[in-house]
C-alpha atoms as a PDB file:
ATOM      1  CA  MET A   1     149.184-112.996 -42.210  1.00  0.00           C
ATOM      2  CA  ARG A   2     151.173-110.427 -40.082  1.00  0.00           C
ATOM      3  CA  MET A   3     151.975-108.468 -43.239  1.00  0.00           C
ATOM      4  CA  LEU A   4     148.414-108.498 -44.481  1.00  0.00           C
ATOM      5  CA  THR A   5     147.195-107.395 -40.962  1.00  0.00           C
ATOM      6  CA  SER A   6     149.906-104.577 -41.075  1.00  0.00           C
ATOM      7  CA  TYR A   7     148.642-103.459 -44.609  1.00  0.00           C
ATOM      8  CA  ILE A   8     144.943-103.170 -43.533  1.00  0.00           C
ATOM      9  CA  VAL A   9     145.892-101.386 -40.483  1.00  0.00           C
ATOM     10  CA  LEU A  10     147.974 -98.895 -42.661  1.00  0.00           C
ATOM     11  CA  MET A  11     145.015 -98.568 -45.054  1.00  0.00           C
ATOM     12  CA  CYS A  12     142.778 -97.828 -42.033  1.00  0.00           C
ATOM     13  CA  CYS A  13     145.113 -95.307 -40.717  1.00  0.00           C
ATOM     14  CA  SER A  14     145.475 -93.536 -44.134  1.00  0.00           C
ATOM     15  CA  ALA A  15     141.781 -93.246 -44.406  1.00  0.00           C
ATOM     16  CA  LEU A  16     141.364 -91.996 -41.086  1.00  0.00           C
ATOM     17  CA  LEU A  17     144.017 -89.365 -41.423  1.00  0.00           C
ATOM     18  CA  GLU A  18     142.190 -88.379 -44.724  1.00  0.00           C
ATOM     19  CA  ALA A  19     139.284 -87.733 -42.587  1.00  0.00           C
ATOM     20  CA  GLN A  20     140.997 -84.886 -40.831  1.00  0.00           C
ATOM     21  CA  ASP A  21     141.696 -83.280 -44.250  1.00  0.00           C
ATOM     22  CA  VAL A  22     138.122 -83.550 -45.217  1.00  0.00           C
ATOM     23  CA  GLN A  23     137.156 -81.561 -42.253  1.00  0.00           C
ATOM     24  CA  THR A  24     139.225 -78.675 -43.701  1.00  0.00           C
ATOM     25  CA  THR A  25     137.621 -78.901 -46.965  1.00  0.00           C
ATOM     26  CA  PRO A  26     133.934 -78.528 -46.930  1.00  0.00           C
ATOM     27  CA  GLU A  27     133.471 -79.196 -50.674  1.00  0.00           C
ATOM     28  CA  LYS A  28     134.363 -82.926 -50.066  1.00  0.00           C
ATOM     29  CA  PRO A  29     131.936 -85.200 -48.383  1.00  0.00           C
ATOM     30  CA  SER A  30     132.761 -86.218 -44.703  1.00  0.00           C
ATOM     31  CA  TRP A  31     132.844 -89.673 -43.407  1.00  0.00           C
ATOM     32  CA  GLU A  32     129.584 -91.353 -43.070  1.00  0.00           C
ATOM     33  CA  PRO A  33     129.090 -93.966 -40.387  1.00  0.00           C
ATOM     34  CA  HIS A  34     126.487 -96.777 -40.660  1.00  0.00           C
ATOM     35  CA  ALA A  35     125.222 -99.382 -38.196  1.00  0.00           C
ATOM     36  CA  MET A  36     123.851-102.315 -39.772  1.00  0.00           C
ATOM     37  CA  ALA A  37     122.205-105.583 -38.441  1.00  0.00           C
ATOM     38  CA  TYR A  38     121.298-108.845 -40.052  1.00  0.00           C
ATOM     39  CA  ALA A  39     118.619-110.757 -37.935  1.00  0.00           C
ATOM     40  CA  TYR A  40     118.383-114.363 -38.832  1.00  0.00           C
ATOM     41  CA  PHE A  41     115.267-116.395 -38.085  1.00  0.00           C
ATOM     42  CA  THR A  42     116.107-120.004 -38.826  1.00  0.00           C
ATOM     43  CA  PRO A  43     114.306-123.432 -37.984  1.00  0.00           C
ATOM     44  CA  ASP A  44     117.455-125.075 -36.621  1.00  0.00           C
ATOM     45  CA  ASP A  45     119.938-122.488 -35.415  1.00  0.00           C
ATOM     46  CA  GLY A  46     117.122-120.214 -34.134  1.00  0.00           C
ATOM     47  CA  PHE A  47     117.537-116.528 -33.971  1.00  0.00           C
ATOM     48  CA  PHE A  48     120.885-114.915 -34.253  1.00  0.00           C
ATOM     49  CA  MET A  49     122.398-111.480 -35.294  1.00  0.00           C
ATOM     50  CA  ILE A  50     125.230-110.348 -37.481  1.00  0.00           C
ATOM     51  CA  PRO A  51     126.098-106.694 -36.497  1.00  0.00           C
ATOM     52  CA  VAL A  52     128.123-104.679 -38.955  1.00  0.00           C
ATOM     53  CA  ALA A  53     129.790-101.114 -38.504  1.00  0.00           C
ATOM     54  CA  MET A  54     130.806 -99.203 -41.466  1.00  0.00           C
ATOM     55  CA  MET A  55     132.418 -95.713 -42.183  1.00  0.00           C
ATOM     56  CA  GLU A  56     132.820 -94.329 -45.714  1.00  0.00           C
ATOM     57  CA  ASN A  57     133.707 -91.293 -47.675  1.00  0.00           C
ATOM     58  CA  ASP A  58     134.076 -90.549 -51.389  1.00  0.00           C
ATOM     59  CA  ARG A  59     137.453 -92.550 -51.357  1.00  0.00           C
ATOM     60  CA  TRP A  60     137.524 -95.155 -48.661  1.00  0.00           C
ATOM     61  CA  HIS A  61     135.466 -97.766 -47.085  1.00  0.00           C
ATOM     62  CA  LEU A  62     136.054 -99.361 -43.802  1.00  0.00           C
ATOM     63  CA  GLU A  63     133.925-102.217 -42.201  1.00  0.00           C
ATOM     64  CA  LEU A  64     133.816-104.171 -39.002  1.00  0.00           C
ATOM     65  CA  ARG A  65     131.727-107.340 -38.740  1.00  0.00           C
ATOM     66  CA  TYR A  66     130.929-110.116 -36.425  1.00  0.00           C
ATOM     67  CA  ASN A  67     129.266-113.450 -36.833  1.00  0.00           C
ATOM     68  CA  TYR A  68     129.531-112.774 -40.642  1.00  0.00           C
ATOM     69  CA  GLU A  69     132.118-115.278 -41.928  1.00  0.00           C
ATOM     70  CA  ASP A  70     131.372-117.680 -38.896  1.00  0.00           C
ATOM     71  CA  PHE A  71     130.115-117.781 -35.556  1.00  0.00           C
ATOM     72  CA  LYS A  72     132.158-116.018 -32.845  1.00  0.00           C
ATOM     73  CA  THR A  73     134.235-114.468 -35.583  1.00  0.00           C
ATOM     74  CA  ALA A  74     135.092-110.918 -36.196  1.00  0.00           C
ATOM     75  CA  SER A  75     136.624-109.313 -39.483  1.00  0.00           C
ATOM     76  CA  LEU A  76     138.079-105.993 -40.412  1.00  0.00           C
ATOM     77  CA  TRP A  77     137.777-104.962 -44.110  1.00  0.00           C
ATOM     78  CA  ALA A  78     139.178-101.925 -45.868  1.00  0.00           C
ATOM     79  CA  GLY A  79     139.465-100.788 -49.487  1.00  0.00           C
ATOM     80  CA  PRO A  80     139.122 -97.867 -51.930  1.00  0.00           C
ATOM     81  CA  VAL A  81     135.699 -96.708 -53.446  1.00  0.00           C
ATOM     82  CA  PHE A  82     135.472 -96.060 -57.085  1.00  0.00           C
ATOM     83  CA  SER A  83     132.272 -94.580 -58.090  1.00  0.00           C
ATOM     84  CA  TRP A  84     130.611 -93.084 -61.205  1.00  0.00           C
ATOM     85  CA  GLU A  85     127.462 -91.379 -62.465  1.00  0.00           C
ATOM     86  CA  GLY A  86     125.542 -91.500 -65.576  1.00  0.00           C
ATOM     87  CA  ALA A  87     122.490 -93.396 -66.986  1.00  0.00           C
ATOM     88  CA  VAL A  88     123.984 -96.245 -65.082  1.00  0.00           C
ATOM     89  CA  GLY A  89     125.421 -94.991 -61.858  1.00  0.00           C
ATOM     90  CA  GLY A  90     127.138 -97.046 -59.282  1.00  0.00           C
ATOM     91  CA  TYR A  91     130.320 -97.958 -57.370  1.00  0.00           C
ATOM     92  CA  VAL A  92     132.971-100.670 -56.948  1.00  0.00           C
ATOM     93  CA  THR A  93     134.815-101.185 -53.733  1.00  0.00           C
ATOM     94  CA  PRO A  94     137.515-103.925 -53.555  1.00  0.00           C
ATOM     95  CA  MET A  95     138.623-105.044 -50.037  1.00  0.00           C
ATOM     96  CA  LEU A  96     141.006-106.881 -48.209  1.00  0.00           C
ATOM     97  CA  GLY A  97     140.213-108.287 -44.741  1.00  0.00           C
ATOM     98  CA  VAL A  98     141.537-110.117 -41.669  1.00  0.00           C
ATOM     99  CA  VAL A  99     139.436-112.619 -40.061  1.00  0.00           C
ATOM    100  CA  VAL A 100     139.804-113.678 -36.341  1.00  0.00           C
ATOM    101  CA  GLY A 101     137.845-116.268 -34.235  1.00  0.00           C
ATOM    102  CA  ASN A 102     136.405-119.712 -35.096  1.00  0.00           C
ATOM    103  CA  THR A 103     137.660-118.888 -38.568  1.00  0.00           C
ATOM    104  CA  MET A 104     141.178-117.419 -38.555  1.00  0.00           C
ATOM    105  CA  GLY A 105     142.742-116.012 -41.737  1.00  0.00           C
ATOM    106  CA  TRP A 106     142.384-113.360 -44.309  1.00  0.00           C
ATOM    107  CA  GLY A 107     140.146-112.593 -47.360  1.00  0.00           C
ATOM    108  CA  VAL A 108     139.531-110.579 -50.499  1.00  0.00           C
ATOM    109  CA  GLY A 109     136.240-109.138 -51.284  1.00  0.00           C
ATOM    110  CA  VAL A 110     134.274-106.680 -53.312  1.00  0.00           C
ATOM    111  CA  GLU A 111     131.027-104.610 -52.941  1.00  0.00           C
ATOM    112  CA  ALA A 112     129.346-103.215 -55.915  1.00  0.00           C
ATOM    113  CA  GLU A 113     126.163-101.465 -56.724  1.00  0.00           C
ATOM    114  CA  ALA A 114     124.690-100.173 -60.011  1.00  0.00           C
ATOM    115  CA  SER A 115     121.465 -98.498 -60.734  1.00  0.00           C
ATOM    116  CA  TYR A 116     119.433 -97.798 -63.862  1.00  0.00           C
ATOM    117  CA  GLY A 117     116.057 -96.058 -63.718  1.00  0.00           C
ATOM    118  CA  ILE A 118     113.911 -98.001 -61.182  1.00  0.00           C
ATOM    119  CA  LEU A 119     116.344-101.117 -61.308  1.00  0.00           C
ATOM    120  CA  ASN A 120     119.182-101.757 -58.856  1.00  0.00           C
ATOM    121  CA  VAL A 121     121.592-104.591 -58.396  1.00  0.00           C
ATOM    122  CA  TYR A 122     123.902-104.973 -55.247  1.00  0.00           C
ATOM    123  CA  ILE A 123     126.620-107.541 -55.008  1.00  0.00           C
ATOM    124  CA  GLU A 124     128.713-108.494 -52.058  1.00  0.00           C
ATOM    125  CA  ASN A 125     131.307-111.345 -52.498  1.00  0.00           C
ATOM    126  CA  GLU A 126     134.290-112.376 -50.583  1.00  0.00           C
ATOM    127  CA  PHE A 127     136.665-115.249 -50.456  1.00  0.00           C
ATOM    128  CA  VAL A 128     138.088-116.192 -47.008  1.00  0.00           C
ATOM    129  CA  VAL A 129     141.233-118.306 -46.590  1.00  0.00           C
ATOM    130  CA  ASP A 130     141.297-120.131 -43.197  1.00  0.00           C
ATOM    131  CA  VAL A 131     145.080-120.384 -42.334  1.00  0.00           C
ATOM    132  CA  ARG A 132     144.302-123.201 -39.731  1.00  0.00           C
ATOM    133  CA  SER A 133     142.210-125.487 -41.845  1.00  0.00           C
ATOM    134  CA  SER A 134     141.221-125.877 -45.427  1.00  0.00           C
ATOM    135  CA  ASP A 135     137.864-126.732 -44.424  1.00  0.00           C
ATOM    136  CA  GLY A 136     137.306-123.056 -43.326  1.00  0.00           C
ATOM    137  CA  THR A 137     138.273-121.553 -46.726  1.00  0.00           C
ATOM    138  CA  PHE A 138     134.959-120.473 -48.438  1.00  0.00           C
ATOM    139  CA  PHE A 139     133.424-118.268 -51.048  1.00  0.00           C
ATOM    140  CA  TYR A 140     130.543-116.089 -49.696  1.00  0.00           C
ATOM    141  CA  SER A 141     128.118-114.310 -52.048  1.00  0.00           C
ATOM    142  CA  TRP A 142     125.149-111.986 -51.540  1.00  0.00           C
ATOM    143  CA  THR A 143     123.222-110.542 -54.581  1.00  0.00           C
ATOM    144  CA  GLU A 144     120.030-108.405 -54.542  1.00  0.00           C
ATOM    145  CA  LEU A 145     118.093-107.369 -57.575  1.00  0.00           C
ATOM    146  CA  THR A 146     115.365-104.908 -56.928  1.00  0.00           C
ATOM    147  CA  GLY A 147     112.941-102.680 -58.611  1.00  0.00           C
ATOM    148  CA  SER A 148     111.558 -99.342 -56.978  1.00  0.00           C
ATOM    149  CA  ILE A 149     107.768 -99.121 -56.497  1.00  0.00           C
ATOM    150  CA  THR A 150     107.896 -95.814 -55.089  1.00  0.00           C
ATOM    151  CA  ASP A 151     110.830 -93.417 -53.777  1.00  0.00           C
ATOM    152  CA  ASN A 152     110.845 -95.333 -50.593  1.00  0.00           C
ATOM    153  CA  LEU A 153     109.544 -98.809 -51.304  1.00  0.00           C
ATOM    154  CA  ARG A 154     111.342-101.697 -53.345  1.00  0.00           C
ATOM    155  CA  VAL A 155     110.662-105.313 -54.214  1.00  0.00           C
ATOM    156  CA  GLY A 156     112.988-107.927 -55.564  1.00  0.00           C
ATOM    157  CA  ALA A 157     114.903-111.057 -55.008  1.00  0.00           C
ATOM    158  CA  VAL A 158     118.030-112.037 -53.097  1.00  0.00           C
ATOM    159  CA  LEU A 159     120.559-114.996 -53.657  1.00  0.00           C
ATOM    160  CA  GLN A 160     123.040-115.939 -50.929  1.00  0.00           C
ATOM    161  CA  ARG A 161     125.813-118.555 -50.578  1.00  0.00           C
ATOM    162  CA  THR A 162     126.972-118.866 -46.977  1.00  0.00           C
ATOM    163  CA  ARG A 163     128.305-121.388 -44.552  1.00  0.00           C
ATOM    164  CA  VAL A 164     127.073-119.805 -41.228  1.00  0.00           C
ATOM    165  CA  LEU A 165     123.917-121.959 -41.602  1.00  0.00           C
ATOM    166  CA  HIS A 166     125.367-125.581 -41.434  1.00  0.00           C
ATOM    167  CA  ASP A 167     122.006-127.300 -42.059  1.00  0.00           C
ATOM    168  CA  VAL A 168     121.104-125.506 -45.316  1.00  0.00           C
ATOM    169  CA  GLU A 169     122.318-125.955 -48.875  1.00  0.00           C
ATOM    170  CA  ASP A 170     125.279-123.377 -49.860  1.00  0.00           C
ATOM    171  CA  VAL A 171     122.989-121.547 -52.136  1.00  0.00           C
ATOM    172  CA  SER A 172     119.506-120.172 -51.313  1.00  0.00           C
ATOM    173  CA  ALA A 173     117.332-117.592 -52.993  1.00  0.00           C
ATOM    174  CA  GLY A 174     113.885-115.871 -52.495  1.00  0.00           C
ATOM    175  CA  PRO A 175     111.881-112.556 -52.599  1.00  0.00           C
ATOM    176  CA  LEU A 176     112.517-109.561 -50.518  1.00  0.00           C
ATOM    177  CA  VAL A 177     110.758-106.321 -49.661  1.00  0.00           C
ATOM    178  CA  GLY A 178     112.508-103.132 -48.532  1.00  0.00           C
ATOM    179  CA  ALA A 179     111.657 -99.618 -47.335  1.00  0.00           C
ATOM    180  CA  THR A 180     113.528 -96.494 -46.571  1.00  0.00           C
ATOM    181  CA  LEU A 181     112.367 -93.904 -43.940  1.00  0.00           C
ATOM    182  CA  TYR A 182     114.624 -90.902 -43.137  1.00  0.00           C
ATOM    183  CA  MET A 183     117.981 -92.290 -42.418  1.00  0.00           C
ATOM    184  CA  ILE A 184     116.741 -95.872 -41.824  1.00  0.00           C
ATOM    185  CA  ASP A 185     116.670 -98.535 -44.487  1.00  0.00           C
ATOM    186  CA  ALA A 186     114.972-101.919 -43.657  1.00  0.00           C
ATOM    187  CA  ALA A 187     114.196-105.086 -45.637  1.00  0.00           C
ATOM    188  CA  VAL A 188     112.810-108.520 -45.197  1.00  0.00           C
ATOM    189  CA  HIS A 189     114.238-111.441 -47.036  1.00  0.00           C
ATOM    190  CA  TRP A 190     112.603-114.947 -47.373  1.00  0.00           C
ATOM    191  CA  LEU A 191     115.168-117.532 -48.416  1.00  0.00           C
ATOM    192  CA  GLY A 192     114.363-120.929 -49.634  1.00  0.00           C
ATOM    193  CA  PRO A 193     110.620-120.570 -50.147  1.00  0.00           C
ATOM    194  CA  GLY A 194     109.130-124.069 -51.116  1.00  0.00           C
ATOM    195  CA  SER A 195     112.217-125.870 -49.851  1.00  0.00           C
ATOM    196  CA  ASP A 196     112.798-128.147 -46.869  1.00  0.00           C
ATOM    197  CA  TYR A 197     114.782-125.321 -45.070  1.00  0.00           C
ATOM    198  CA  GLN A 198     113.201-122.028 -45.247  1.00  0.00           C
ATOM    199  CA  TYR A 199     114.526-118.995 -43.129  1.00  0.00           C
ATOM    200  CA  TRP A 200     114.172-115.292 -42.873  1.00  0.00           C
ATOM    201  CA  ILE A 201     116.629-112.387 -42.705  1.00  0.00           C
ATOM    202  CA  VAL A 202     115.623-108.898 -41.508  1.00  0.00           C
ATOM    203  CA  THR A 203     118.152-106.284 -42.324  1.00  0.00           C
ATOM    204  CA  LEU A 204     118.340-102.802 -40.783  1.00  0.00           C
ATOM    205  CA  ASP A 205     120.708 -99.989 -42.022  1.00  0.00           C
ATOM    206  CA  ILE A 206     120.891 -96.917 -39.934  1.00  0.00           C
ATOM    207  CA  ALA A 207     122.866 -93.762 -41.221  1.00  0.00           C
ATOM    208  CA  LEU A 208     124.389 -92.308 -38.123  1.00  0.00           C
END
């Protein structure tokens, strides 16, 4: 655990040091900070927020989360960015993470996105190992498949596997509607339509 934490800290330091080099080479994209929020509206757990802070350039991705893996739990993730262009453009970011709080441990994850024409697929997976209890070890997944109606409006479907909501089945899915305005992207997700446990997630992504 200590070695993994040190490795992730070294990755973060390496990425931040690279940011200083980026400032002296204008042809390279600078760091892009993002602030995200997942607002959950549930029948049993009520309303709660999952805040996420990210920094990314063309080579590195850093991410800090809270309430994501578990309530009252923070996690730090870092990893390289592999991107490509073409008819099917996209990126893949493998990550290592440290989790501290109600769930204590480490994790491996990946964020990936691919686009073809008006179609877009986004995948966010992680496997977290709780070093204090095997009950806390869990695989989390979030997948979106959307199609663009206009340049700023999209519709599609989302599938999620989570354990934050203890009264809902592991896997739930439903429709989504998203829109982008200037530097703000917002989306509304309806999970579990027609089931005994339906809930809503409103996501907000602000490029700072």
